[in-house]
Protein backbone atom coordinates (compact mmCIF):
# COMPACT_ATOMS: atom_id res chain seq x y z
CA MET A 1 -80.02 -4.90 32.60
CA THR A 2 -79.70 -1.26 31.57
CA SER A 3 -78.79 1.76 33.67
CA SER A 4 -82.45 2.71 33.99
CA ASP A 5 -83.32 -0.77 35.29
CA THR A 6 -80.99 -0.36 38.27
CA ASN A 7 -82.95 2.72 39.45
CA GLY A 8 -79.79 4.37 40.74
CA LYS A 9 -78.94 1.48 43.07
CA ARG A 10 -75.67 1.82 44.94
CA VAL A 11 -73.55 -1.28 45.53
CA LEU A 12 -70.58 -2.02 47.76
CA VAL A 13 -68.13 -4.55 46.33
CA ALA A 14 -66.15 -6.17 49.15
CA GLY A 15 -63.15 -8.24 48.13
CA ALA A 16 -62.57 -5.84 45.24
CA THR A 17 -58.86 -6.66 44.83
CA GLY A 18 -59.49 -10.40 44.38
CA TYR A 19 -59.88 -12.27 41.10
CA LEU A 20 -63.69 -12.25 41.15
CA GLY A 21 -63.95 -8.94 42.97
CA LYS A 22 -62.17 -7.00 40.23
CA PHE A 23 -64.53 -8.37 37.58
CA ALA A 24 -67.51 -7.66 39.86
CA VAL A 25 -66.52 -4.00 40.21
CA GLN A 26 -66.41 -3.65 36.43
CA GLN A 27 -69.60 -5.58 35.74
CA PHE A 28 -71.73 -3.76 38.33
CA LYS A 29 -70.54 -0.44 36.88
CA ARG A 30 -71.16 -1.53 33.29
CA ARG A 31 -74.69 -2.60 34.22
CA GLY A 32 -75.54 0.87 35.54
CA TYR A 33 -74.90 0.64 39.29
CA TRP A 34 -73.13 3.26 41.38
CA VAL A 35 -70.14 1.33 42.76
CA ARG A 36 -68.09 1.68 45.94
CA ALA A 37 -65.09 -0.68 46.13
CA LEU A 38 -63.74 -1.83 49.50
CA THR A 39 -60.02 -2.52 49.41
CA ARG A 40 -57.06 -2.70 51.75
CA SER A 41 -54.88 -1.07 49.07
CA GLU A 42 -55.92 1.33 46.32
CA GLU A 43 -52.64 0.56 44.57
CA ARG A 44 -53.50 -3.16 44.35
CA LEU A 45 -56.98 -2.30 43.09
CA ARG A 46 -55.57 -0.14 40.30
CA ARG A 47 -53.18 -2.75 38.96
CA GLY A 48 -54.01 -6.00 37.21
CA GLY A 49 -54.00 -9.22 39.18
CA PRO A 50 -52.83 -12.72 38.27
CA PHE A 51 -54.68 -14.95 35.81
CA THR A 52 -56.22 -12.03 33.82
CA ALA A 53 -57.82 -10.24 36.79
CA PRO A 54 -58.26 -6.68 35.45
CA ALA A 55 -56.83 -3.43 36.73
CA ILE A 56 -59.59 -1.14 37.99
CA ALA A 57 -59.53 2.18 36.14
CA PRO A 58 -61.09 5.41 37.52
CA GLU A 59 -64.13 4.94 35.29
CA ASP A 60 -64.74 1.43 36.65
CA CYS A 61 -66.03 2.59 40.03
CA ASP A 62 -67.42 5.72 41.64
CA GLU A 63 -65.70 5.57 45.01
CA ILE A 64 -62.88 3.67 46.71
CA PHE A 65 -63.10 2.94 50.42
CA VAL A 66 -59.81 1.90 52.02
CA GLY A 67 -60.39 -0.35 55.00
CA GLU A 68 -60.07 -3.91 56.29
CA ALA A 69 -63.14 -6.05 56.74
CA THR A 70 -61.34 -7.98 59.48
CA LYS A 71 -61.03 -4.72 61.44
CA PRO A 72 -64.47 -3.15 62.05
CA GLU A 73 -62.88 0.02 63.41
CA THR A 74 -61.68 0.83 59.87
CA LEU A 75 -65.16 0.56 58.34
CA ALA A 76 -67.00 3.59 59.73
CA GLY A 77 -69.30 4.97 57.02
CA LEU A 78 -68.67 2.05 54.66
CA LEU A 79 -72.35 1.36 54.05
CA ASP A 80 -73.61 4.94 54.02
CA GLY A 81 -76.12 5.18 51.17
CA ILE A 82 -75.53 1.59 50.03
CA ASP A 83 -78.45 -0.51 48.74
CA ILE A 84 -76.64 -3.77 47.91
CA VAL A 85 -73.62 -5.44 49.47
CA PHE A 86 -71.68 -7.89 47.33
CA SER A 87 -68.93 -9.90 49.01
CA SER A 88 -66.40 -12.33 47.59
CA ILE A 89 -64.06 -11.87 50.57
CA GLY A 90 -62.05 -14.98 51.33
CA ILE A 91 -58.54 -16.33 51.58
CA SER A 92 -57.01 -17.21 48.24
CA ARG A 93 -53.31 -16.51 47.98
CA GLN A 94 -52.81 -14.18 50.93
CA ARG A 95 -49.66 -14.67 52.96
CA ASP A 96 -50.67 -12.67 56.02
CA GLY A 97 -51.15 -15.67 58.31
CA LEU A 98 -54.89 -15.12 58.88
CA THR A 99 -57.20 -18.12 59.06
CA PHE A 100 -60.44 -19.00 57.27
CA GLU A 101 -62.22 -18.26 60.54
CA GLN A 102 -60.78 -14.74 60.61
CA VAL A 103 -61.26 -13.89 56.93
CA ASP A 104 -63.87 -16.07 55.24
CA TYR A 105 -66.17 -15.99 58.26
CA GLN A 106 -65.44 -13.06 60.56
CA ALA A 107 -64.75 -10.45 57.88
CA ASN A 108 -68.06 -11.26 56.19
CA ARG A 109 -69.81 -11.41 59.57
CA ASN A 110 -68.52 -7.90 60.26
CA LEU A 111 -70.11 -6.68 57.02
CA ILE A 112 -73.42 -8.37 57.86
CA ASP A 113 -73.41 -6.76 61.31
CA LEU A 114 -72.74 -3.35 59.72
CA CYS A 115 -75.95 -3.68 57.70
CA SER A 116 -78.12 -3.24 60.80
CA GLY A 117 -79.85 0.13 60.72
CA THR A 118 -78.66 0.99 57.21
CA SER A 119 -80.37 1.27 53.82
CA VAL A 120 -78.92 -2.10 52.67
CA GLU A 121 -81.70 -4.16 51.12
CA ASN A 122 -79.80 -7.14 49.70
CA PHE A 123 -76.58 -9.02 50.49
CA VAL A 124 -75.00 -11.13 47.73
CA TYR A 125 -72.44 -13.59 49.05
CA VAL A 126 -70.18 -15.93 47.07
CA SER A 127 -69.77 -19.31 48.74
CA MET A 128 -68.97 -22.66 47.08
CA LEU A 129 -70.72 -25.48 45.27
CA GLY A 130 -70.99 -28.87 46.94
CA ALA A 131 -70.33 -27.68 50.48
CA GLU A 132 -72.19 -30.70 51.83
CA GLN A 133 -69.51 -32.99 50.35
CA ILE A 134 -66.63 -31.24 52.12
CA SER A 135 -68.42 -30.00 55.23
CA ASN A 136 -65.57 -30.96 57.57
CA LEU A 137 -63.04 -28.54 56.07
CA ALA A 138 -62.15 -25.25 57.74
CA ILE A 139 -62.90 -23.24 54.59
CA THR A 140 -66.33 -24.85 54.18
CA ILE A 141 -67.23 -24.37 57.83
CA ALA A 142 -66.33 -20.68 57.56
CA HIS A 143 -68.34 -20.14 54.36
CA GLU A 144 -71.41 -21.96 55.60
CA ARG A 145 -71.36 -20.05 58.90
CA VAL A 146 -71.68 -16.90 56.81
CA VAL A 147 -74.60 -18.47 54.93
CA GLU A 148 -76.32 -19.39 58.20
CA THR A 149 -75.70 -15.89 59.59
CA LEU A 150 -77.39 -14.39 56.52
CA ARG A 151 -80.34 -16.77 56.86
CA THR A 152 -81.02 -15.55 60.39
CA SER A 153 -80.07 -11.90 59.84
CA GLY A 154 -83.42 -10.61 58.59
CA LEU A 155 -81.69 -9.31 55.44
CA GLU A 156 -82.67 -10.20 51.91
CA TYR A 157 -79.78 -12.23 50.54
CA THR A 158 -78.56 -14.39 47.67
CA ILE A 159 -75.87 -17.08 47.89
CA VAL A 160 -73.90 -17.66 44.68
CA ARG A 161 -72.23 -21.07 44.46
CA PRO A 162 -69.63 -21.43 41.66
CA SER A 163 -68.11 -24.82 40.90
CA GLY A 164 -64.59 -23.53 40.31
CA TYR A 165 -62.67 -20.49 39.14
CA PHE A 166 -60.65 -20.14 35.95
CA SER A 167 -57.96 -18.50 38.10
CA ASP A 168 -57.41 -21.91 39.74
CA MET A 169 -57.10 -23.47 36.28
CA GLY A 170 -54.33 -21.01 35.47
CA VAL A 171 -52.06 -23.03 37.74
CA LEU A 172 -52.47 -25.98 35.34
CA LEU A 173 -51.15 -23.89 32.47
CA ASP A 174 -48.20 -22.76 34.56
CA MET A 175 -47.34 -26.40 35.30
CA ALA A 176 -47.82 -27.39 31.66
CA LYS A 177 -45.39 -24.71 30.54
CA ARG A 178 -42.85 -26.13 32.98
CA GLY A 179 -43.36 -29.57 31.45
CA ARG A 180 -45.24 -31.55 34.10
CA ALA A 181 -48.61 -31.31 35.85
CA LEU A 182 -49.28 -32.66 39.33
CA LEU A 183 -52.71 -34.16 39.94
CA VAL A 184 -54.21 -35.16 43.27
CA GLY A 185 -55.92 -38.54 43.21
CA SER A 186 -57.13 -40.10 39.98
CA GLY A 187 -57.86 -36.75 38.36
CA ASN A 188 -61.21 -38.08 37.14
CA ASN A 189 -63.48 -35.92 39.29
CA ARG A 190 -65.78 -33.75 37.17
CA PHE A 191 -66.32 -30.00 37.48
CA THR A 192 -67.49 -26.95 35.52
CA PRO A 193 -65.05 -24.06 36.07
CA ILE A 194 -66.21 -20.55 35.16
CA HIS A 195 -64.42 -17.39 34.06
CA GLY A 196 -64.40 -14.52 36.57
CA ARG A 197 -66.11 -12.16 34.14
CA ASP A 198 -68.91 -14.65 33.49
CA LEU A 199 -69.31 -15.31 37.21
CA ALA A 200 -69.43 -11.57 37.90
CA ASP A 201 -72.31 -11.35 35.41
CA VAL A 202 -74.11 -14.10 37.35
CA CYS A 203 -73.57 -12.15 40.57
CA VAL A 204 -74.95 -8.92 39.10
CA ASP A 205 -78.02 -10.83 37.90
CA ALA A 206 -78.37 -12.36 41.39
CA ALA A 207 -78.36 -8.90 42.96
CA ALA A 208 -81.49 -7.99 41.03
CA GLY A 209 -83.13 -11.42 41.21
CA SER A 210 -85.27 -13.22 43.77
CA ASP A 211 -83.45 -16.56 44.07
CA ARG A 212 -81.95 -17.37 47.47
CA GLU A 213 -79.25 -19.57 45.97
CA VAL A 214 -77.70 -19.60 42.49
CA GLU A 215 -75.33 -22.32 41.28
CA ALA A 216 -72.96 -21.29 38.50
CA GLY A 217 -70.70 -23.22 36.16
CA GLY A 218 -68.94 -22.58 32.89
CA PRO A 219 -69.92 -23.97 29.47
CA GLU A 220 -67.90 -27.20 29.79
CA THR A 221 -67.90 -30.19 32.13
CA MET A 222 -64.47 -31.78 32.39
CA THR A 223 -62.16 -33.78 34.62
CA GLN A 224 -58.88 -32.64 36.14
CA ARG A 225 -57.07 -34.82 33.62
CA GLU A 226 -58.92 -33.27 30.69
CA ALA A 227 -58.23 -29.75 31.93
CA ALA A 228 -54.53 -30.56 32.35
CA ALA A 229 -54.32 -32.15 28.89
CA LEU A 230 -55.89 -29.01 27.43
CA ALA A 231 -53.27 -26.88 29.20
CA PHE A 232 -50.46 -28.94 27.64
CA ASP A 233 -52.05 -28.61 24.21
CA VAL A 234 -52.24 -24.83 24.48
CA ALA A 235 -48.70 -24.64 25.85
CA GLY A 236 -47.44 -26.80 22.97
CA LYS A 237 -45.87 -29.33 25.31
CA PRO A 238 -46.14 -33.13 25.47
CA VAL A 239 -48.56 -34.34 28.13
CA LYS A 240 -46.74 -35.38 31.31
CA MET A 241 -48.77 -35.88 34.47
CA THR A 242 -47.71 -37.10 37.88
CA VAL A 243 -50.46 -38.44 40.10
CA ILE A 244 -50.09 -37.94 43.86
CA PRO A 245 -52.08 -40.68 45.64
CA LEU A 246 -54.75 -39.35 47.98
CA TRP A 247 -53.20 -41.03 51.02
CA LEU A 248 -49.89 -39.29 50.35
CA ALA A 249 -51.51 -35.94 49.51
CA LYS A 250 -53.51 -36.01 52.75
CA GLY A 251 -50.37 -36.77 54.73
CA LEU A 252 -48.55 -33.88 53.08
CA ALA A 253 -51.46 -31.55 53.84
CA ARG A 254 -51.38 -32.53 57.51
CA THR A 255 -47.62 -31.93 57.64
CA ILE A 256 -48.02 -28.51 56.03
CA GLY A 257 -50.71 -27.73 58.60
CA LEU A 258 -48.28 -28.39 61.45
CA LEU A 259 -45.92 -25.80 59.97
CA ASN A 260 -48.48 -23.22 58.82
CA THR A 261 -52.19 -23.41 59.67
CA GLN A 262 -53.34 -21.24 56.74
CA PHE A 263 -51.41 -23.15 54.08
CA GLY A 264 -52.35 -26.45 55.71
CA ASP A 265 -56.05 -25.60 55.51
CA LEU A 266 -55.65 -24.59 51.86
CA ALA A 267 -53.77 -27.81 51.09
CA GLU A 268 -56.47 -29.87 52.78
CA PHE A 269 -59.12 -28.12 50.67
CA ILE A 270 -57.21 -28.77 47.42
CA VAL A 271 -56.74 -32.45 48.30
CA THR A 272 -60.35 -33.02 49.34
CA ALA A 273 -61.75 -31.11 46.35
CA GLY A 274 -59.80 -33.53 44.16
CA GLU A 275 -62.03 -36.36 45.36
CA VAL A 276 -65.49 -34.96 44.60
CA ASP A 277 -67.52 -33.87 41.58
CA ALA A 278 -68.71 -30.26 41.39
CA VAL A 279 -70.97 -29.85 38.36
CA ALA A 280 -73.13 -26.73 38.20
CA PRO A 281 -75.66 -25.41 35.67
CA THR A 282 -74.07 -23.70 32.67
CA ARG A 283 -74.08 -19.93 33.16
CA GLY A 284 -70.73 -18.94 31.70
CA ARG A 285 -69.83 -18.60 28.02
CA THR A 286 -66.03 -18.43 28.02
CA THR A 287 -64.29 -21.72 27.22
CA LEU A 288 -61.26 -22.93 29.15
CA ARG A 289 -59.27 -23.19 25.91
CA SER A 290 -59.83 -19.52 25.09
CA TYR A 291 -58.83 -18.62 28.64
CA PHE A 292 -55.63 -20.69 28.44
CA GLU A 293 -54.86 -19.11 25.07
CA SER A 294 -55.25 -15.59 26.48
CA LEU A 295 -52.95 -16.48 29.37
CA ASN A 296 -50.43 -18.07 27.04
CA ASP A 297 -50.40 -15.04 24.74
CA SER A 298 -49.83 -12.69 27.67
């Protein structure tokens, strides 16, 4: 899509300091949109994030709005003049003690509610692939409540469902460099992880498309074991994997949950995701090897 194709559309990127959000800011701008980035910290937006998430330079967006989606009182004027809302807001590695209910659901619900009476004509929301297989988890419940809220909101919307992020794969390379990778369960579940830049491209396409739901995977289908073996190869280390049985992993997740609800919910998601396949249509081009090599070089 060229600049003329966007017809001067103005987009809000919520979750702009996250792994996907940073790439989304850049890709919307490169594709000709006027971009407003919502962030809790301009400083965090301007610096690079982990696992190759880019720093956002002044030319990457037109306006920065400092506010917190969990606090509606900080969002006055956020959607003024906005045509498209894109949100990848969700808990990833935050250590602020908030829950999936407060962030993944309520923060996005606040944005949806703000759309009432505005010029917003489309809401693009990033959920997850295979939600029906892990529907009992707190993170899934939160994401799918957002989806249901959009379905009944009267807004035009698109749900993007990636099968896995390359940023999550970066943890495998970190473990490989240290000499041993930990796998949950057999490690034979299949998935199609996608690079953040490629996924951001999918999201920009979705903003201009007519599909209600878009599933997105990278160019390769692999198992956990295959991804870990690739990480060892790139790191130049002998393959050493320790398998944590599912029964033990689930017990550890429950114990973590007693000590810290947020980390317990994340642990439960990681354990359960290790049991199911998540294979999506190929939409990305970047291979996991090239991603590992870029991380290793940096």
